[in-house]
């Protein structure tokens, strides 16, 4: 059995009712913007500034370009195959290799775990700042991060009724924090309390040249752009997706990129790079510097808590449901598909994914020289860039598969360039990533290979017993 049934990958059982198509262009746009916004910009602006100095806006702009290349490939594929399975479906159709399809599924799941764990670090830093705790004490931050992950687990076990309306509210709250930063920062700039000369000042670490520093910063900034790929899983609930999806996805990416670039420019103009670089709560520092006596500025740490908390919950829900789905299809051991009789939530998958996330959080927090958000945020982008490279290859391979309906077609040069850029940002000697990111990704994928092997072994034994 494959991760996606071989009868027609993603088609599903014809006896099952179809999902209700409730999302029009506006709701889809809000969903995409809300999925991209979150931990990255709230937590990593200072880390990006540490790599390139005042030009912190440039890596976000480059990351937007990289995301746009792959987004165009997703648009062609989602137009050809309007089914909710994402990268795994496309890779399965292109190559039809069980292990490769499984690894893509598991890699996407792992990216959810590393993203949620990174969010726990950002949550801890903002919590300590908002409630007056010692944010320099790694012990306090670790305890807050672990308790936060347990809280996410509790909510996940209880069951979260998500709806399009709720997503709109969450998106507007997250966006309000960034708009507040822009508004307050703009007052400081127009009031003469900012230095725009810093915006074009490149300051790179001594051991890195300019190009490598930009590559390293882009690898970090890319974490802020991920999330757009999740929207393809909503395609079966979108009205006329072949027509609506291209404009919504490209507009959503553009809107978030503009917000990110403006926020980064304001941040380095208002706060000296030395104070911003490596700051765990950069946007809080920006607001406090721009308007220390402005009452509303006190809301930023709490809006940040909400933004990163929502990111963690969405990612942990995605990871546990994906693990549950793979187990239910017989790809992973059956115990991971157990469902709580009262809550009707996949409690075994939730407990398993939470255990991995807690281990990640504790392991990375042991080393104060390597901040949680940098290592796990970078690992998230590493995992997804590898998946995106395969998606860009898949769109080229699947050009031979013709469909009758009209759909978006990306220029051939874009997926080719997408493969090159994604691979470039994955390789250690070109991306400037720390070795720990590859170690974490390797351990996670090693767990996946073991689970895959156990699932295959158990599946064969069950098949043999049935045959007897």
Protein backbone atom coordinates (compact mmCIF):
# COMPACT_ATOMS: atom_id res chain seq x y z
CA UNK A 1 0.00 0.00 0.00
CA UNK A 2 1.30 3.46 -0.85
CA UNK A 3 0.93 6.63 1.12
CA UNK A 4 -1.60 7.71 -1.45
CA UNK A 5 -3.80 4.95 -2.81
CA UNK A 6 -2.66 3.73 -6.22
CA UNK A 7 -6.18 3.53 -7.61
CA UNK A 8 -5.97 7.30 -8.24
CA UNK A 9 -3.86 9.23 -5.83
CA UNK A 10 -5.98 11.64 -3.85
CA UNK A 11 -9.28 10.80 -5.57
CA UNK A 12 -10.69 9.24 -2.42
CA UNK A 13 -13.60 6.84 -2.09
CA UNK A 14 -16.42 7.62 -4.49
CA UNK A 15 -18.94 6.68 -1.77
CA UNK A 16 -17.75 9.53 0.42
CA UNK A 17 -19.44 12.95 0.08
CA UNK A 18 -17.37 15.82 -1.29
CA UNK A 19 -16.19 18.67 0.88
CA UNK A 20 -18.36 21.76 0.81
CA UNK A 21 -16.92 24.53 -1.36
CA UNK A 22 -17.35 27.58 0.86
CA UNK A 23 -14.23 29.66 0.22
CA UNK A 24 -14.36 32.48 -2.29
CA UNK A 25 -11.42 34.70 -3.32
CA UNK A 26 -11.52 36.98 -0.25
CA UNK A 27 -11.68 34.20 2.33
CA UNK A 28 -8.98 32.22 0.52
CA UNK A 29 -6.74 35.30 0.47
CA UNK A 30 -7.21 35.82 4.22
CA UNK A 31 -6.50 32.14 4.86
CA UNK A 32 -3.22 32.33 2.90
CA UNK A 33 -2.09 35.57 4.55
CA UNK A 34 -2.96 34.18 7.99
CA UNK A 35 -1.08 30.95 7.32
CA UNK A 36 2.11 32.77 6.33
CA UNK A 37 2.05 35.37 9.12
CA UNK A 38 3.33 34.24 12.48
CA UNK A 39 6.52 33.31 14.28
CA UNK A 40 9.10 34.19 11.62
CA UNK A 41 8.82 37.97 11.41
CA UNK A 42 8.06 38.35 15.12
CA UNK A 43 11.13 36.38 16.18
CA UNK A 44 13.77 36.40 13.43
CA UNK A 45 14.14 40.04 12.37
CA UNK A 46 16.98 40.49 14.86
CA UNK A 47 18.71 37.27 13.80
CA UNK A 48 18.54 38.33 10.15
CA UNK A 49 20.02 41.73 11.09
CA UNK A 50 22.87 39.89 12.82
CA UNK A 51 23.87 38.44 9.42
CA UNK A 52 23.52 41.45 7.11
CA UNK A 53 23.22 44.47 9.39
CA UNK A 54 20.88 47.27 8.36
CA UNK A 55 19.97 45.55 5.09
CA UNK A 56 17.77 43.14 7.02
CA UNK A 57 14.95 43.79 4.56
CA UNK A 58 16.90 42.24 1.65
CA UNK A 59 16.83 38.58 2.83
CA UNK A 60 13.05 38.83 3.29
CA UNK A 61 12.78 40.13 -0.26
CA UNK A 62 14.98 37.32 -1.60
CA UNK A 63 13.02 34.74 0.41
CA UNK A 64 9.85 36.11 -1.19
CA UNK A 65 11.37 35.54 -4.63
CA UNK A 66 12.28 31.95 -3.75
CA UNK A 67 8.79 31.31 -2.39
CA UNK A 68 7.22 32.83 -5.49
CA UNK A 69 9.11 30.43 -7.78
CA UNK A 70 7.77 27.40 -5.94
CA UNK A 71 4.32 28.96 -5.52
CA UNK A 72 4.01 29.09 -9.31
CA UNK A 73 4.78 25.37 -9.47
CA UNK A 74 2.15 24.69 -6.81
CA UNK A 75 -0.35 26.71 -8.83
CA UNK A 76 0.16 24.62 -11.94
CA UNK A 77 -0.11 21.38 -9.98
CA UNK A 78 -3.12 22.38 -7.89
CA UNK A 79 -4.83 23.51 -11.09
CA UNK A 80 -4.17 20.16 -12.77
CA UNK A 81 -4.98 18.07 -9.69
CA UNK A 82 -7.47 19.99 -7.49
CA UNK A 83 -7.20 17.52 -4.60
CA UNK A 84 -6.19 18.10 -1.00
CA UNK A 85 -2.93 16.20 -0.59
CA UNK A 86 -0.24 18.73 -1.46
CA UNK A 87 3.39 17.85 -2.16
CA UNK A 88 2.94 14.14 -1.44
CA UNK A 89 0.28 13.86 -4.14
CA UNK A 90 2.43 15.62 -6.74
CA UNK A 91 5.56 13.61 -5.97
CA UNK A 92 3.50 10.41 -6.00
CA UNK A 93 2.04 11.19 -9.40
CA UNK A 94 5.44 12.17 -10.78
CA UNK A 95 7.50 9.24 -9.50
CA UNK A 96 5.16 6.64 -8.00
CA UNK A 97 7.82 5.43 -5.54
CA UNK A 98 6.39 4.46 -2.15
CA UNK A 99 9.43 5.39 -0.08
CA UNK A 100 9.89 8.78 -1.76
CA UNK A 101 6.21 9.65 -1.27
CA UNK A 102 6.43 8.60 2.36
CA UNK A 103 9.58 10.66 2.99
CA UNK A 104 7.92 13.73 1.51
CA UNK A 105 4.89 13.23 3.80
CA UNK A 106 7.08 12.69 6.84
CA UNK A 107 9.34 15.64 6.00
CA UNK A 108 6.33 17.95 5.81
CA UNK A 109 5.17 16.59 9.17
CA UNK A 110 8.63 17.15 10.69
CA UNK A 111 8.62 20.73 9.41
CA UNK A 112 5.46 21.23 11.45
CA UNK A 113 7.18 19.91 14.58
CA UNK A 114 10.30 22.05 14.17
CA UNK A 115 8.16 25.11 13.38
CA UNK A 116 6.04 24.56 16.50
CA UNK A 117 9.15 24.05 18.65
CA UNK A 118 10.65 27.24 17.23
CA UNK A 119 7.40 29.00 18.09
CA UNK A 120 7.70 27.73 21.67
CA UNK A 121 11.06 29.49 21.96
CA UNK A 122 9.60 32.72 20.59
CA UNK A 123 6.62 32.35 22.93
CA UNK A 124 8.94 31.95 25.93
CA UNK A 125 10.93 35.07 25.04
CA UNK A 126 7.83 37.20 24.52
CA UNK A 127 6.18 35.79 27.65
CA UNK A 128 9.22 36.68 29.75
CA UNK A 129 9.28 40.20 28.28
CA UNK A 130 5.54 40.75 28.68
CA UNK A 131 5.37 39.54 32.28
CA UNK A 132 8.65 40.98 33.53
CA UNK A 133 10.57 37.70 33.91
CA UNK A 134 14.33 37.34 33.43
CA UNK A 135 14.51 36.78 29.66
CA UNK A 136 18.26 36.12 29.88
CA UNK A 137 17.77 33.06 32.10
CA UNK A 138 17.76 29.95 29.84
CA UNK A 139 16.19 27.85 32.60
CA UNK A 140 13.13 30.10 32.83
CA UNK A 141 12.79 30.22 29.05
CA UNK A 142 13.02 26.42 28.79
CA UNK A 143 10.35 25.88 31.45
CA UNK A 144 7.99 28.36 29.77
CA UNK A 145 8.62 26.79 26.34
CA UNK A 146 7.94 23.25 27.61
CA UNK A 147 4.80 24.31 29.49
CA UNK A 148 3.61 26.08 26.35
CA UNK A 149 4.04 22.91 24.28
CA UNK A 150 2.09 20.95 26.90
CA UNK A 151 -0.68 23.56 26.72
CA UNK A 152 -0.78 23.18 22.93
CA UNK A 153 -0.99 19.41 23.41
CA UNK A 154 -3.91 19.81 25.83
CA UNK A 155 -5.82 21.99 23.37
CA UNK A 156 -5.00 19.57 20.57
CA UNK A 157 -6.22 16.58 22.62
CA UNK A 158 -9.43 18.33 23.53
CA UNK A 159 -10.14 19.15 19.89
CA UNK A 160 -10.15 22.52 18.13
CA UNK A 161 -13.10 23.36 15.93
CA UNK A 162 -11.54 25.38 13.17
CA UNK A 163 -13.63 27.38 10.77
CA UNK A 164 -13.06 29.93 8.07
CA UNK A 165 -14.57 32.64 10.29
CA UNK A 166 -12.14 31.82 13.12
CA UNK A 167 -9.23 31.92 10.71
CA UNK A 168 -10.27 35.40 9.60
CA UNK A 169 -10.26 36.61 13.22
CA UNK A 170 -6.84 35.06 13.91
CA UNK A 171 -5.41 36.57 10.74
CA UNK A 172 -6.67 40.06 11.58
CA UNK A 173 -5.22 39.89 15.11
CA UNK A 174 -1.82 38.70 13.87
CA UNK A 175 -1.76 41.33 11.15
CA UNK A 176 -2.76 44.05 13.63
CA UNK A 177 0.46 43.54 15.55
CA UNK A 178 2.59 44.10 12.47
CA UNK A 179 0.51 47.10 11.39
CA UNK A 180 0.93 48.53 14.89
CA UNK A 181 4.70 48.19 14.55
CA UNK A 182 4.53 49.96 11.17
CA UNK A 183 2.30 52.74 12.53
CA UNK A 184 4.36 53.45 15.64
CA UNK A 185 7.62 53.13 13.74
CA UNK A 186 6.36 55.54 11.08
CA UNK A 187 5.59 58.17 13.74
CA UNK A 188 9.16 57.83 15.00
CA UNK A 189 10.57 58.15 11.48
CA UNK A 190 8.50 61.20 10.56
CA UNK A 191 9.30 62.69 13.94
CA UNK A 192 12.99 62.55 13.16
CA UNK A 193 13.75 59.80 15.67
CA UNK A 194 15.18 57.33 13.16
CA UNK A 195 18.29 56.93 11.02
CA UNK A 196 17.53 55.81 7.46
CA UNK A 197 21.21 55.56 6.58
CA UNK A 198 21.30 52.25 8.47
CA UNK A 199 18.83 50.70 6.00
CA UNK A 200 21.48 50.37 3.28
CA UNK A 201 24.42 49.55 5.56
CA UNK A 202 25.65 45.98 5.09
CA UNK A 203 27.41 44.62 8.15
CA UNK A 204 28.42 40.97 7.81
CA UNK A 205 30.14 38.66 10.30
CA UNK A 206 33.91 38.59 9.96
CA UNK A 207 33.97 34.95 8.82
CA UNK A 208 31.50 35.50 5.96
CA UNK A 209 31.58 37.35 2.69
CA UNK A 210 28.62 39.43 1.54
CA UNK A 211 27.08 36.76 -0.71
CA UNK A 212 27.32 34.00 1.91
CA UNK A 213 25.91 36.32 4.59
CA UNK A 214 22.89 37.10 2.38
CA UNK A 215 22.42 33.38 1.69
CA UNK A 216 22.53 32.58 5.42
CA UNK A 217 20.11 35.40 6.23
CA UNK A 218 17.77 34.28 3.43
CA UNK A 219 17.78 30.74 4.84
CA UNK A 220 16.56 32.26 8.12
CA UNK A 221 14.10 34.70 6.54
CA UNK A 222 12.54 31.93 4.46
CA UNK A 223 11.02 30.58 7.68
CA UNK A 224 8.81 33.69 7.71
CA UNK A 225 7.50 32.91 4.20
CA UNK A 226 6.50 29.27 4.71
CA UNK A 227 2.83 28.46 5.10
CA UNK A 228 1.67 29.29 1.58
CA UNK A 229 2.08 25.61 0.64
CA UNK A 230 -0.58 24.60 3.19
CA UNK A 231 -3.27 26.40 1.21
CA UNK A 232 -3.33 23.67 -1.43
CA UNK A 233 -4.95 21.43 1.16
CA UNK A 234 -7.98 23.74 1.07
CA UNK A 235 -8.47 23.35 -2.69
CA UNK A 236 -11.46 21.00 -2.36
CA UNK A 237 -13.24 23.66 -0.31
CA UNK A 238 -12.59 26.53 -2.75
CA UNK A 239 -15.12 27.68 -5.32
CA UNK A 240 -13.74 27.38 -8.86
CA UNK A 241 -10.13 26.81 -7.68
CA UNK A 242 -8.55 26.85 -11.15
CA UNK A 243 -9.66 30.48 -11.55
CA UNK A 244 -9.42 31.74 -7.95
CA UNK A 245 -6.25 30.08 -6.65
CA UNK A 246 -3.57 31.81 -8.78
CA UNK A 247 -4.60 35.36 -7.92
CA UNK A 248 -5.21 34.56 -4.23
CA UNK A 249 -1.90 32.77 -3.68
CA UNK A 250 0.24 35.28 -5.55
CA UNK A 251 -1.56 38.20 -3.88
CA UNK A 252 -1.21 36.63 -0.43
CA UNK A 253 2.54 36.11 -0.86
CA UNK A 254 2.97 39.64 -2.15
CA UNK A 255 0.99 41.22 0.71
CA UNK A 256 2.99 39.39 3.39
CA UNK A 257 6.29 40.16 1.65
CA UNK A 258 5.46 43.89 1.52
CA UNK A 259 4.54 43.87 5.23
CA UNK A 260 7.73 41.98 6.13
CA UNK A 261 10.02 44.28 4.11
CA UNK A 262 8.40 47.43 5.54
CA UNK A 263 8.65 46.05 9.10
CA UNK A 264 12.33 45.16 8.58
CA UNK A 265 13.13 48.62 7.17
CA UNK A 266 11.37 50.35 10.08
CA UNK A 267 13.11 48.07 12.58
CA UNK A 268 16.65 48.90 11.45
CA UNK A 269 15.81 52.59 10.99
CA UNK A 270 14.43 52.94 14.52
CA UNK A 271 16.75 50.61 16.47
CA UNK A 272 20.54 50.56 16.07
CA UNK A 273 21.65 47.30 14.48
CA UNK A 274 23.81 46.45 17.48
CA UNK A 275 20.72 46.40 19.72
CA UNK A 276 18.56 44.63 17.14
CA UNK A 277 21.02 41.91 16.10
CA UNK A 278 20.32 38.66 17.89
CA UNK A 279 17.37 40.16 19.79
CA UNK A 280 14.82 37.47 20.72
CA UNK A 281 11.93 39.99 20.79
CA UNK A 282 12.93 42.45 18.05
CA UNK A 283 9.53 43.99 17.35
CA UNK A 284 8.91 44.62 21.03
CA UNK A 285 12.24 46.47 21.13
CA UNK A 286 11.27 48.48 18.04
CA UNK A 287 7.98 49.65 19.56
CA UNK A 288 9.51 50.40 22.96
CA UNK A 289 12.27 52.43 21.30
CA UNK A 290 9.93 54.30 18.96
CA UNK A 291 7.28 55.15 21.55
CA UNK A 292 8.27 54.15 25.09
CA UNK A 293 5.38 56.08 26.64
CA UNK A 294 2.73 55.06 24.11
CA UNK A 295 0.14 52.91 26.01
CA UNK A 296 -0.76 50.68 23.06
CA UNK A 297 2.88 49.65 22.64
CA UNK A 298 2.46 47.43 25.70
CA UNK A 299 0.17 45.20 23.61
CA UNK A 300 2.94 44.07 21.25
CA UNK A 301 4.40 41.32 23.49
CA UNK A 302 0.90 39.87 23.98
CA UNK A 303 0.01 40.08 20.27
CA UNK A 304 3.32 38.32 19.62
CA UNK A 305 2.29 35.60 22.08
CA UNK A 306 -0.94 35.16 20.19
CA UNK A 307 0.77 35.04 16.79
CA UNK A 308 3.40 32.46 17.69
CA UNK A 309 0.93 30.47 19.79
CA UNK A 310 -1.46 30.20 16.88
CA UNK A 311 1.41 29.11 14.60
CA UNK A 312 2.42 26.37 17.02
CA UNK A 313 -1.13 25.05 17.39
CA UNK A 314 -1.75 24.94 13.63
CA UNK A 315 1.56 23.17 13.03
CA UNK A 316 1.03 20.60 15.79
CA UNK A 317 -2.47 19.87 14.53
CA UNK A 318 -1.12 19.40 11.01
CA UNK A 319 1.71 17.15 12.18
CA UNK A 320 -0.48 14.90 14.33
CA UNK A 321 -3.18 14.56 11.67
CA UNK A 322 -0.62 13.74 9.00
CA UNK A 323 0.96 11.08 11.22
CA UNK A 324 -2.51 9.71 12.00
CA UNK A 325 -3.39 9.61 8.30
CA UNK A 326 -0.21 7.73 7.38
CA UNK A 327 -0.86 5.22 10.17
CA UNK A 328 -4.47 4.74 9.12
CA UNK A 329 -3.33 3.91 5.57
CA UNK A 330 -0.99 1.24 6.92
CA UNK A 331 2.23 3.13 6.19
CA UNK A 332 3.13 3.61 9.87
CA UNK A 333 2.50 1.37 12.90
CA UNK A 334 -1.22 1.04 13.68
CA UNK A 335 -0.98 2.34 17.27
CA UNK A 336 -0.47 5.85 15.88
CA UNK A 337 -4.00 5.82 14.41
CA UNK A 338 -5.77 5.34 17.76
CA UNK A 339 -8.59 7.83 18.34
CA UNK A 340 -9.98 9.01 21.70
CA UNK A 341 -13.46 7.56 22.10
CA UNK A 342 -15.00 10.69 23.63
CA UNK A 343 -13.01 13.54 22.11
CA UNK A 344 -12.57 11.83 18.74
CA UNK A 345 -9.05 13.20 18.44
CA UNK A 346 -5.98 11.17 17.31
CA UNK A 347 -4.51 11.06 20.81
CA UNK A 348 -1.70 8.58 20.05
CA UNK A 349 -0.39 10.71 17.18
CA UNK A 350 -0.77 13.86 19.28
CA UNK A 351 1.20 12.35 22.17
CA UNK A 352 3.89 11.03 19.82
CA UNK A 353 4.39 14.31 17.96
CA UNK A 354 4.32 16.28 21.23
CA UNK A 355 7.02 14.02 22.68
CA UNK A 356 9.26 14.75 19.68
CA UNK A 357 8.54 18.49 19.92
CA UNK A 358 9.34 18.51 23.66
CA UNK A 359 12.59 16.62 23.03
CA UNK A 360 13.53 19.10 20.29
CA UNK A 361 12.77 22.07 22.53
CA UNK A 362 14.74 20.66 25.46
CA UNK A 363 17.70 19.53 23.34
CA UNK A 364 18.18 22.84 21.55
CA UNK A 365 17.60 24.91 24.71
CA UNK A 366 20.53 23.16 26.40
CA UNK A 367 22.95 25.20 24.29
CA UNK A 368 22.44 28.95 24.91
CA UNK A 369 24.89 29.76 22.09
CA UNK A 370 22.39 28.40 19.54
CA UNK A 371 18.99 30.06 20.08
CA UNK A 372 15.94 27.83 19.73
CA UNK A 373 14.29 29.94 17.04
CA UNK A 374 17.40 30.01 14.84
CA UNK A 375 18.10 26.28 14.90
CA UNK A 376 14.53 25.02 14.65
CA UNK A 377 13.28 27.82 12.41
CA UNK A 378 16.25 27.14 10.14
CA UNK A 379 15.56 23.40 10.26
CA UNK A 380 11.97 24.07 9.22
CA UNK A 381 13.09 26.01 6.15
CA UNK A 382 15.72 23.33 5.41
CA UNK A 383 13.10 20.56 5.38
CA UNK A 384 10.60 22.54 3.31
CA UNK A 385 13.19 23.75 0.80
CA UNK A 386 14.07 20.09 0.14
CA UNK A 387 10.36 19.34 -0.42
CA UNK A 388 10.00 22.41 -2.65
CA UNK A 389 12.89 21.23 -4.81
CA UNK A 390 10.99 17.97 -5.43
CA UNK A 391 7.77 19.87 -6.15
CA UNK A 392 9.57 21.96 -8.77
CA UNK A 393 10.96 18.79 -10.35
CA UNK A 394 7.50 17.20 -10.24
CA UNK A 395 5.86 20.01 -12.18
CA UNK A 396 8.34 19.44 -15.02
CA UNK A 397 7.91 15.66 -14.98
CA UNK A 398 4.11 15.96 -14.96
CA UNK A 399 4.05 18.14 -18.07
CA UNK A 400 3.62 14.82 -19.92
CA UNK A 401 0.36 14.23 -18.03
CA UNK A 402 -2.31 16.18 -19.89
CA UNK A 403 -5.68 17.11 -18.40
CA UNK A 404 -8.80 18.29 -20.19
CA UNK A 405 -9.65 21.32 -18.09
CA UNK A 406 -7.84 24.66 -18.26
CA UNK A 407 -5.36 25.48 -15.52
CA UNK A 408 -2.49 27.80 -14.63
CA UNK A 409 0.78 26.98 -16.42
CA UNK A 410 4.01 28.42 -15.08
CA UNK A 411 6.82 29.32 -17.51
CA UNK A 412 9.29 26.41 -17.67
CA UNK A 413 12.18 28.61 -16.55
CA UNK A 414 10.57 29.25 -13.15
CA UNK A 415 10.49 25.65 -11.80
CA UNK A 416 13.98 25.07 -13.23
CA UNK A 417 15.23 28.14 -11.38
CA UNK A 418 13.20 27.03 -8.35
CA UNK A 419 15.04 23.69 -8.22
CA UNK A 420 18.43 25.40 -8.46
CA UNK A 421 17.68 28.01 -5.79
CA UNK A 422 16.05 25.54 -3.35
CA UNK A 423 18.96 23.11 -3.64
CA UNK A 424 21.42 25.99 -3.23
CA UNK A 425 19.74 27.04 0.02
CA UNK A 426 19.79 23.44 1.27
CA UNK A 427 23.48 22.71 0.70
CA UNK A 428 25.68 23.46 3.75
CA UNK A 429 28.57 25.13 1.91
CA UNK A 430 26.31 27.59 0.08
CA UNK A 431 23.57 28.31 2.62
CA UNK A 432 25.83 28.95 5.61
CA UNK A 433 23.57 26.86 7.84
CA UNK A 434 24.99 25.57 11.13
CA UNK A 435 25.68 21.82 11.19
CA UNK A 436 23.15 21.37 14.00
CA UNK A 437 20.26 22.02 11.60
CA UNK A 438 21.34 19.09 9.43
CA UNK A 439 21.81 16.92 12.52
CA UNK A 440 18.29 17.67 13.74
CA UNK A 441 16.80 17.07 10.29
CA UNK A 442 18.78 13.82 9.98
CA UNK A 443 17.58 12.51 13.34
CA UNK A 444 13.96 13.34 12.53
CA UNK A 445 14.11 11.66 9.12
CA UNK A 446 15.90 8.70 10.73
CA UNK A 447 12.90 8.29 13.04
CA UNK A 448 10.71 8.36 9.95
CA UNK A 449 12.72 5.66 8.20
CA UNK A 450 12.46 3.44 11.29
CA UNK A 451 8.70 3.98 11.49
CA UNK A 452 8.38 3.27 7.76
CA UNK A 453 10.36 0.04 8.15
CA UNK A 454 8.27 -1.09 11.12
CA UNK A 455 5.07 -0.24 9.26
CA UNK A 456 6.15 -2.23 6.21
CA UNK A 457 7.19 -5.21 8.34
CA UNK A 458 3.94 -5.25 10.29
CA UNK A 459 1.94 -4.83 7.10
CA UNK A 460 3.60 -7.82 5.49
CA UNK A 461 2.97 -10.00 8.54
CA UNK A 462 -0.69 -9.02 8.60
CA UNK A 463 -0.99 -9.73 4.87
CA UNK A 464 0.68 -13.14 5.34
CA UNK A 465 -1.69 -14.09 8.18
CA UNK A 466 -4.71 -13.09 6.11
CA UNK A 467 -3.44 -15.14 3.18
CA UNK A 468 -3.14 -18.19 5.42
